[in-house]
PDB file of all heavy atoms in Angstrom:
ATOM      1  N   VAL A   1       2.921   4.367  11.613  1.00  0.00           N
ATOM      2  CA  VAL A   1       3.731   5.116  10.671  1.00  0.00           C
ATOM      3  C   VAL A   1       3.745   4.316   9.361  1.00  0.00           C
ATOM      4  O   VAL A   1       4.060   3.127   9.378  1.00  0.00           O
ATOM      5  CB  VAL A   1       5.153   5.377  11.178  1.00  0.00           C
ATOM      6  CG1 VAL A   1       5.968   6.105  10.143  1.00  0.00           C
ATOM      7  CG2 VAL A   1       5.118   6.159  12.487  1.00  0.00           C
ATOM      8  N   TYR A   2       3.405   4.973   8.282  1.00  0.00           N
ATOM      9  CA  TYR A   2       3.349   4.328   6.967  1.00  0.00           C
ATOM     10  C   TYR A   2       4.587   4.746   6.178  1.00  0.00           C
ATOM     11  O   TYR A   2       4.886   5.943   6.046  1.00  0.00           O
ATOM     12  CB  TYR A   2       2.082   4.716   6.237  1.00  0.00           C
ATOM     13  CG  TYR A   2       0.870   4.006   6.767  1.00  0.00           C
ATOM     14  CD1 TYR A   2       0.349   4.310   8.022  1.00  0.00           C
ATOM     15  CD2 TYR A   2       0.240   2.995   6.027  1.00  0.00           C
ATOM     16  CE1 TYR A   2      -0.743   3.622   8.531  1.00  0.00           C
ATOM     17  CE2 TYR A   2      -0.852   2.322   6.511  1.00  0.00           C
ATOM     18  CZ  TYR A   2      -1.348   2.643   7.765  1.00  0.00           C
ATOM     19  OH  TYR A   2      -2.435   1.981   8.265  1.00  0.00           O
ATOM     20  N   TYR A   3       5.290   3.750   5.633  1.00  0.00           N
ATOM     21  CA  TYR A   3       6.536   3.948   4.917  1.00  0.00           C
ATOM     22  C   TYR A   3       6.423   3.547   3.466  1.00  0.00           C
ATOM     23  O   TYR A   3       5.871   2.478   3.161  1.00  0.00           O
ATOM     24  CB  TYR A   3       7.670   3.115   5.541  1.00  0.00           C
ATOM     25  CG  TYR A   3       8.025   3.495   6.960  1.00  0.00           C
ATOM     26  CD1 TYR A   3       7.415   2.891   8.034  1.00  0.00           C
ATOM     27  CD2 TYR A   3       8.999   4.454   7.218  1.00  0.00           C
ATOM     28  CE1 TYR A   3       7.726   3.212   9.337  1.00  0.00           C
ATOM     29  CE2 TYR A   3       9.325   4.793   8.512  1.00  0.00           C
ATOM     30  CZ  TYR A   3       8.699   4.167   9.586  1.00  0.00           C
ATOM     31  OH  TYR A   3       9.052   4.515  10.863  1.00  0.00           O
ATOM     32  N   CYS A   4       6.914   4.371   2.578  1.00  0.00           N
ATOM     33  CA  CYS A   4       7.028   4.028   1.177  1.00  0.00           C
ATOM     34  C   CYS A   4       8.275   3.204   0.950  1.00  0.00           C
ATOM     35  O   CYS A   4       9.302   3.427   1.610  1.00  0.00           O
ATOM     36  CB  CYS A   4       7.061   5.297   0.328  1.00  0.00           C
ATOM     37  SG  CYS A   4       6.994   5.014  -1.461  1.00  0.00           S
ATOM     38  N   ARG A   5       8.196   2.251   0.028  1.00  0.00           N
ATOM     39  CA  ARG A   5       9.293   1.348  -0.288  1.00  0.00           C
ATOM     40  C   ARG A   5       9.425   1.207  -1.809  1.00  0.00           C
ATOM     41  O   ARG A   5       8.416   1.064  -2.496  1.00  0.00           O
ATOM     42  CB  ARG A   5       9.058  -0.034   0.361  1.00  0.00           C
ATOM     43  CG  ARG A   5       9.975  -1.138  -0.082  1.00  0.00           C
ATOM     44  CD  ARG A   5      11.352  -1.020   0.526  1.00  0.00           C
ATOM     45  NE  ARG A   5      12.208  -2.154   0.178  1.00  0.00           N
ATOM     46  CZ  ARG A   5      13.433  -2.346   0.614  1.00  0.00           C
ATOM     47  NH1 ARG A   5      13.981  -1.464   1.464  1.00  0.00           N
ATOM     48  NH2 ARG A   5      14.126  -3.393   0.234  1.00  0.00           N
ATOM     49  N   SER A   6      10.651   1.219  -2.299  1.00  0.00           N
ATOM     50  CA  SER A   6      10.910   0.898  -3.696  1.00  0.00           C
ATOM     51  C   SER A   6      11.960  -0.190  -3.786  1.00  0.00           C
ATOM     52  O   SER A   6      12.831  -0.290  -2.913  1.00  0.00           O
ATOM     53  CB  SER A   6      11.371   2.138  -4.473  1.00  0.00           C
ATOM     54  OG  SER A   6      12.666   2.528  -4.089  1.00  0.00           O
ATOM     55  N   ASP A   7      11.864  -1.003  -4.833  1.00  0.00           N
ATOM     56  CA  ASP A   7      12.809  -2.087  -5.051  1.00  0.00           C
ATOM     57  C   ASP A   7      13.164  -2.183  -6.520  1.00  0.00           C
ATOM     58  O   ASP A   7      12.294  -2.110  -7.390  1.00  0.00           O
ATOM     59  CB  ASP A   7      12.223  -3.429  -4.607  1.00  0.00           C
ATOM     60  CG  ASP A   7      12.152  -3.571  -3.123  1.00  0.00           C
ATOM     61  OD1 ASP A   7      13.189  -3.880  -2.503  1.00  0.00           O
ATOM     62  OD2 ASP A   7      11.045  -3.401  -2.564  1.00  0.00           O
ATOM     63  N   TYR A   8      14.473  -2.330  -6.794  1.00  0.00           N
ATOM     64  CA  TYR A   8      14.905  -2.761  -8.116  1.00  0.00           C
ATOM     65  C   TYR A   8      14.723  -4.265  -8.240  1.00  0.00           C
ATOM     66  O   TYR A   8      14.583  -4.978  -7.227  1.00  0.00           O
ATOM     67  CB  TYR A   8      16.371  -2.400  -8.320  1.00  0.00           C
ATOM     68  CG  TYR A   8      16.676  -0.918  -8.330  1.00  0.00           C
ATOM     69  CD1 TYR A   8      17.689  -0.409  -7.531  1.00  0.00           C
ATOM     70  CD2 TYR A   8      15.993  -0.051  -9.167  1.00  0.00           C
ATOM     71  CE1 TYR A   8      17.992   0.944  -7.543  1.00  0.00           C
ATOM     72  CE2 TYR A   8      16.277   1.292  -9.182  1.00  0.00           C
ATOM     73  CZ  TYR A   8      17.291   1.781  -8.375  1.00  0.00           C
ATOM     74  OH  TYR A   8      17.597   3.121  -8.382  1.00  0.00           O
ATOM     75  N   ALA A   9      14.778  -4.761  -9.459  1.00  0.00           N
ATOM     76  CA  ALA A   9      14.683  -6.197  -9.714  1.00  0.00           C
ATOM     77  C   ALA A   9      15.834  -6.942  -9.032  1.00  0.00           C
ATOM     78  O   ALA A   9      15.696  -8.130  -8.662  1.00  0.00           O
ATOM     79  CB  ALA A   9      14.648  -6.499 -11.190  1.00  0.00           C
ATOM     80  N   SER A  10      16.953  -6.271  -8.846  1.00  0.00           N
ATOM     81  CA  SER A  10      18.106  -6.862  -8.185  1.00  0.00           C
ATOM     82  C   SER A  10      17.890  -7.097  -6.691  1.00  0.00           C
ATOM     83  O   SER A  10      18.657  -7.815  -6.060  1.00  0.00           O
ATOM     84  CB  SER A  10      19.314  -5.993  -8.366  1.00  0.00           C
ATOM     85  OG  SER A  10      19.149  -4.735  -7.708  1.00  0.00           O
ATOM     86  N   GLY A  11      16.858  -6.470  -6.131  1.00  0.00           N
ATOM     87  CA  GLY A  11      16.598  -6.558  -4.723  1.00  0.00           C
ATOM     88  C   GLY A  11      17.049  -5.347  -3.919  1.00  0.00           C
ATOM     89  O   GLY A  11      16.738  -5.249  -2.730  1.00  0.00           O
ATOM     90  N   ILE A  12      17.788  -4.443  -4.538  1.00  0.00           N
ATOM     91  CA  ILE A  12      18.192  -3.217  -3.864  1.00  0.00           C
ATOM     92  C   ILE A  12      16.969  -2.353  -3.651  1.00  0.00           C
ATOM     93  O   ILE A  12      16.201  -2.090  -4.598  1.00  0.00           O
ATOM     94  CB  ILE A  12      19.258  -2.463  -4.672  1.00  0.00           C
ATOM     95  CG1 ILE A  12      20.512  -3.336  -4.859  1.00  0.00           C
ATOM     96  CG2 ILE A  12      19.621  -1.151  -3.995  1.00  0.00           C
ATOM     97  CD1 ILE A  12      21.190  -3.723  -3.583  1.00  0.00           C
ATOM     98  N   GLY A  13      16.776  -1.874  -2.448  1.00  0.00           N
ATOM     99  CA  GLY A  13      15.602  -1.107  -2.117  1.00  0.00           C
ATOM    100  C   GLY A  13      15.900   0.141  -1.331  1.00  0.00           C
ATOM    101  O   GLY A  13      17.003   0.346  -0.834  1.00  0.00           O
ATOM    102  N   SER A  14      14.865   0.980  -1.213  1.00  0.00           N
ATOM    103  CA  SER A  14      14.955   2.228  -0.459  1.00  0.00           C
ATOM    104  C   SER A  14      13.714   2.417   0.373  1.00  0.00           C
ATOM    105  O   SER A  14      12.634   1.907   0.028  1.00  0.00           O
ATOM    106  CB  SER A  14      15.114   3.417  -1.420  1.00  0.00           C
ATOM    107  OG  SER A  14      16.293   3.325  -2.186  1.00  0.00           O
ATOM    108  N   TRP A  15      13.844   3.122   1.460  1.00  0.00           N
ATOM    109  CA  TRP A  15      12.753   3.486   2.337  1.00  0.00           C
ATOM    110  C   TRP A  15      12.540   4.989   2.391  1.00  0.00           C
ATOM    111  O   TRP A  15      13.498   5.757   2.364  1.00  0.00           O
ATOM    112  CB  TRP A  15      13.017   3.010   3.778  1.00  0.00           C
ATOM    113  CG  TRP A  15      12.988   1.533   3.984  1.00  0.00           C
ATOM    114  CD1 TRP A  15      14.060   0.698   4.130  1.00  0.00           C
ATOM    115  CD2 TRP A  15      11.831   0.702   4.093  1.00  0.00           C
ATOM    116  NE1 TRP A  15      13.647  -0.595   4.328  1.00  0.00           N
ATOM    117  CE2 TRP A  15      12.282  -0.625   4.306  1.00  0.00           C
ATOM    118  CE3 TRP A  15      10.465   0.938   4.022  1.00  0.00           C
ATOM    119  CZ2 TRP A  15      11.403  -1.699   4.449  1.00  0.00           C
ATOM    120  CZ3 TRP A  15       9.596  -0.133   4.175  1.00  0.00           C
ATOM    121  CH2 TRP A  15      10.064  -1.418   4.383  1.00  0.00           C
ATOM    122  N   GLY A  16      11.278   5.398   2.452  1.00  0.00           N
ATOM    123  CA  GLY A  16      10.973   6.769   2.772  1.00  0.00           C
ATOM    124  C   GLY A  16      11.091   6.997   4.272  1.00  0.00           C
ATOM    125  O   GLY A  16      11.370   6.089   5.056  1.00  0.00           O
ATOM    126  N   GLN A  17      10.860   8.245   4.672  1.00  0.00           N
ATOM    127  CA  GLN A  17      11.015   8.607   6.076  1.00  0.00           C
ATOM    128  C   GLN A  17       9.796   8.266   6.920  1.00  0.00           C
ATOM    129  O   GLN A  17       9.886   8.253   8.161  1.00  0.00           O
ATOM    130  CB  GLN A  17      11.317  10.107   6.196  1.00  0.00           C
ATOM    131  CG  GLN A  17      10.099  11.031   6.156  1.00  0.00           C
ATOM    132  CD  GLN A  17       9.460  11.150   4.781  1.00  0.00           C
ATOM    133  OE1 GLN A  17      10.007  10.708   3.770  1.00  0.00           O
ATOM    134  NE2 GLN A  17       8.289  11.772   4.745  1.00  0.00           N
ATOM    135  N   GLY A  18       8.694   7.981   6.302  1.00  0.00           N
ATOM    136  CA  GLY A  18       7.456   7.624   6.990  1.00  0.00           C
ATOM    137  C   GLY A  18       6.540   8.801   7.192  1.00  0.00           C
ATOM    138  O   GLY A  18       6.961   9.940   7.313  1.00  0.00           O
ATOM    139  N   THR A  19       5.243   8.516   7.246  1.00  0.00           N
ATOM    140  CA  THR A  19       4.224   9.519   7.558  1.00  0.00           C
ATOM    141  C   THR A  19       3.231   8.923   8.547  1.00  0.00           C
ATOM    142  O   THR A  19       2.812   7.774   8.398  1.00  0.00           O
ATOM    143  CB  THR A  19       3.529  10.002   6.273  1.00  0.00           C
ATOM    144  OG1 THR A  19       2.610  11.051   6.597  1.00  0.00           O
ATOM    145  CG2 THR A  19       2.783   8.891   5.551  1.00  0.00           C
ATOM    146  N   GLN A  20       2.894   9.675   9.573  1.00  0.00           N
ATOM    147  CA  GLN A  20       2.048   9.179  10.647  1.00  0.00           C
ATOM    148  C   GLN A  20       0.583   9.198  10.238  1.00  0.00           C
ATOM    149  O   GLN A  20       0.085  10.215   9.752  1.00  0.00           O
ATOM    150  CB  GLN A  20       2.234  10.029  11.907  1.00  0.00           C
ATOM    151  CG  GLN A  20       1.347   9.636  13.073  1.00  0.00           C
ATOM    152  CD  GLN A  20       1.719   8.322  13.705  1.00  0.00           C
ATOM    153  OE1 GLN A  20       2.900   8.066  13.967  1.00  0.00           O
ATOM    154  NE2 GLN A  20       0.703   7.458  13.924  1.00  0.00           N
ATOM    155  N   VAL A  21      -0.084   8.066  10.469  1.00  0.00           N
ATOM    156  CA  VAL A  21      -1.538   7.969  10.308  1.00  0.00           C
ATOM    157  C   VAL A  21      -2.116   7.611  11.666  1.00  0.00           C
ATOM    158  O   VAL A  21      -1.725   6.623  12.270  1.00  0.00           O
ATOM    159  CB  VAL A  21      -1.921   6.900   9.268  1.00  0.00           C
ATOM    160  CG1 VAL A  21      -3.424   6.650   9.289  1.00  0.00           C
ATOM    161  CG2 VAL A  21      -1.453   7.336   7.878  1.00  0.00           C
ATOM    162  N   THR A  22      -3.026   8.431  12.135  1.00  0.00           N
ATOM    163  CA  THR A  22      -3.677   8.210  13.424  1.00  0.00           C
ATOM    164  C   THR A  22      -5.191   8.190  13.200  1.00  0.00           C
ATOM    165  O   THR A  22      -5.752   9.138  12.654  1.00  0.00           O
ATOM    166  CB  THR A  22      -3.323   9.281  14.438  1.00  0.00           C
ATOM    167  OG1 THR A  22      -1.896   9.324  14.614  1.00  0.00           O
ATOM    168  CG2 THR A  22      -3.991   9.003  15.765  1.00  0.00           C
ATOM    169  N   VAL A  23      -5.837   7.112  13.618  1.00  0.00           N
ATOM    170  CA  VAL A  23      -7.266   6.916  13.457  1.00  0.00           C
ATOM    171  C   VAL A  23      -7.886   6.929  14.852  1.00  0.00           C
ATOM    172  O   VAL A  23      -7.591   6.066  15.668  1.00  0.00           O
ATOM    173  CB  VAL A  23      -7.612   5.628  12.727  1.00  0.00           C
ATOM    174  CG1 VAL A  23      -9.124   5.553  12.501  1.00  0.00           C
ATOM    175  CG2 VAL A  23      -6.869   5.562  11.415  1.00  0.00           C
ATOM    176  N   SER A  24      -8.722   7.915  15.119  1.00  0.00           N
ATOM    177  CA  SER A  24      -9.354   8.041  16.421  1.00  0.00           C
ATOM    178  C   SER A  24     -10.651   7.262  16.470  1.00  0.00           C
ATOM    179  O   SER A  24     -11.372   7.151  15.479  1.00  0.00           O
ATOM    180  CB  SER A  24      -9.620   9.519  16.743  1.00  0.00           C
ATOM    181  OG  SER A  24     -10.517  10.084  15.808  1.00  0.00           O
TER     182      SER A  24
END
């Protein structure tokens, strides 16, 4: 599962909900 992340310079951050990547 790949998650997006953002950060302010202060260190406060947020996460996305994630998206599944499957490689066969």
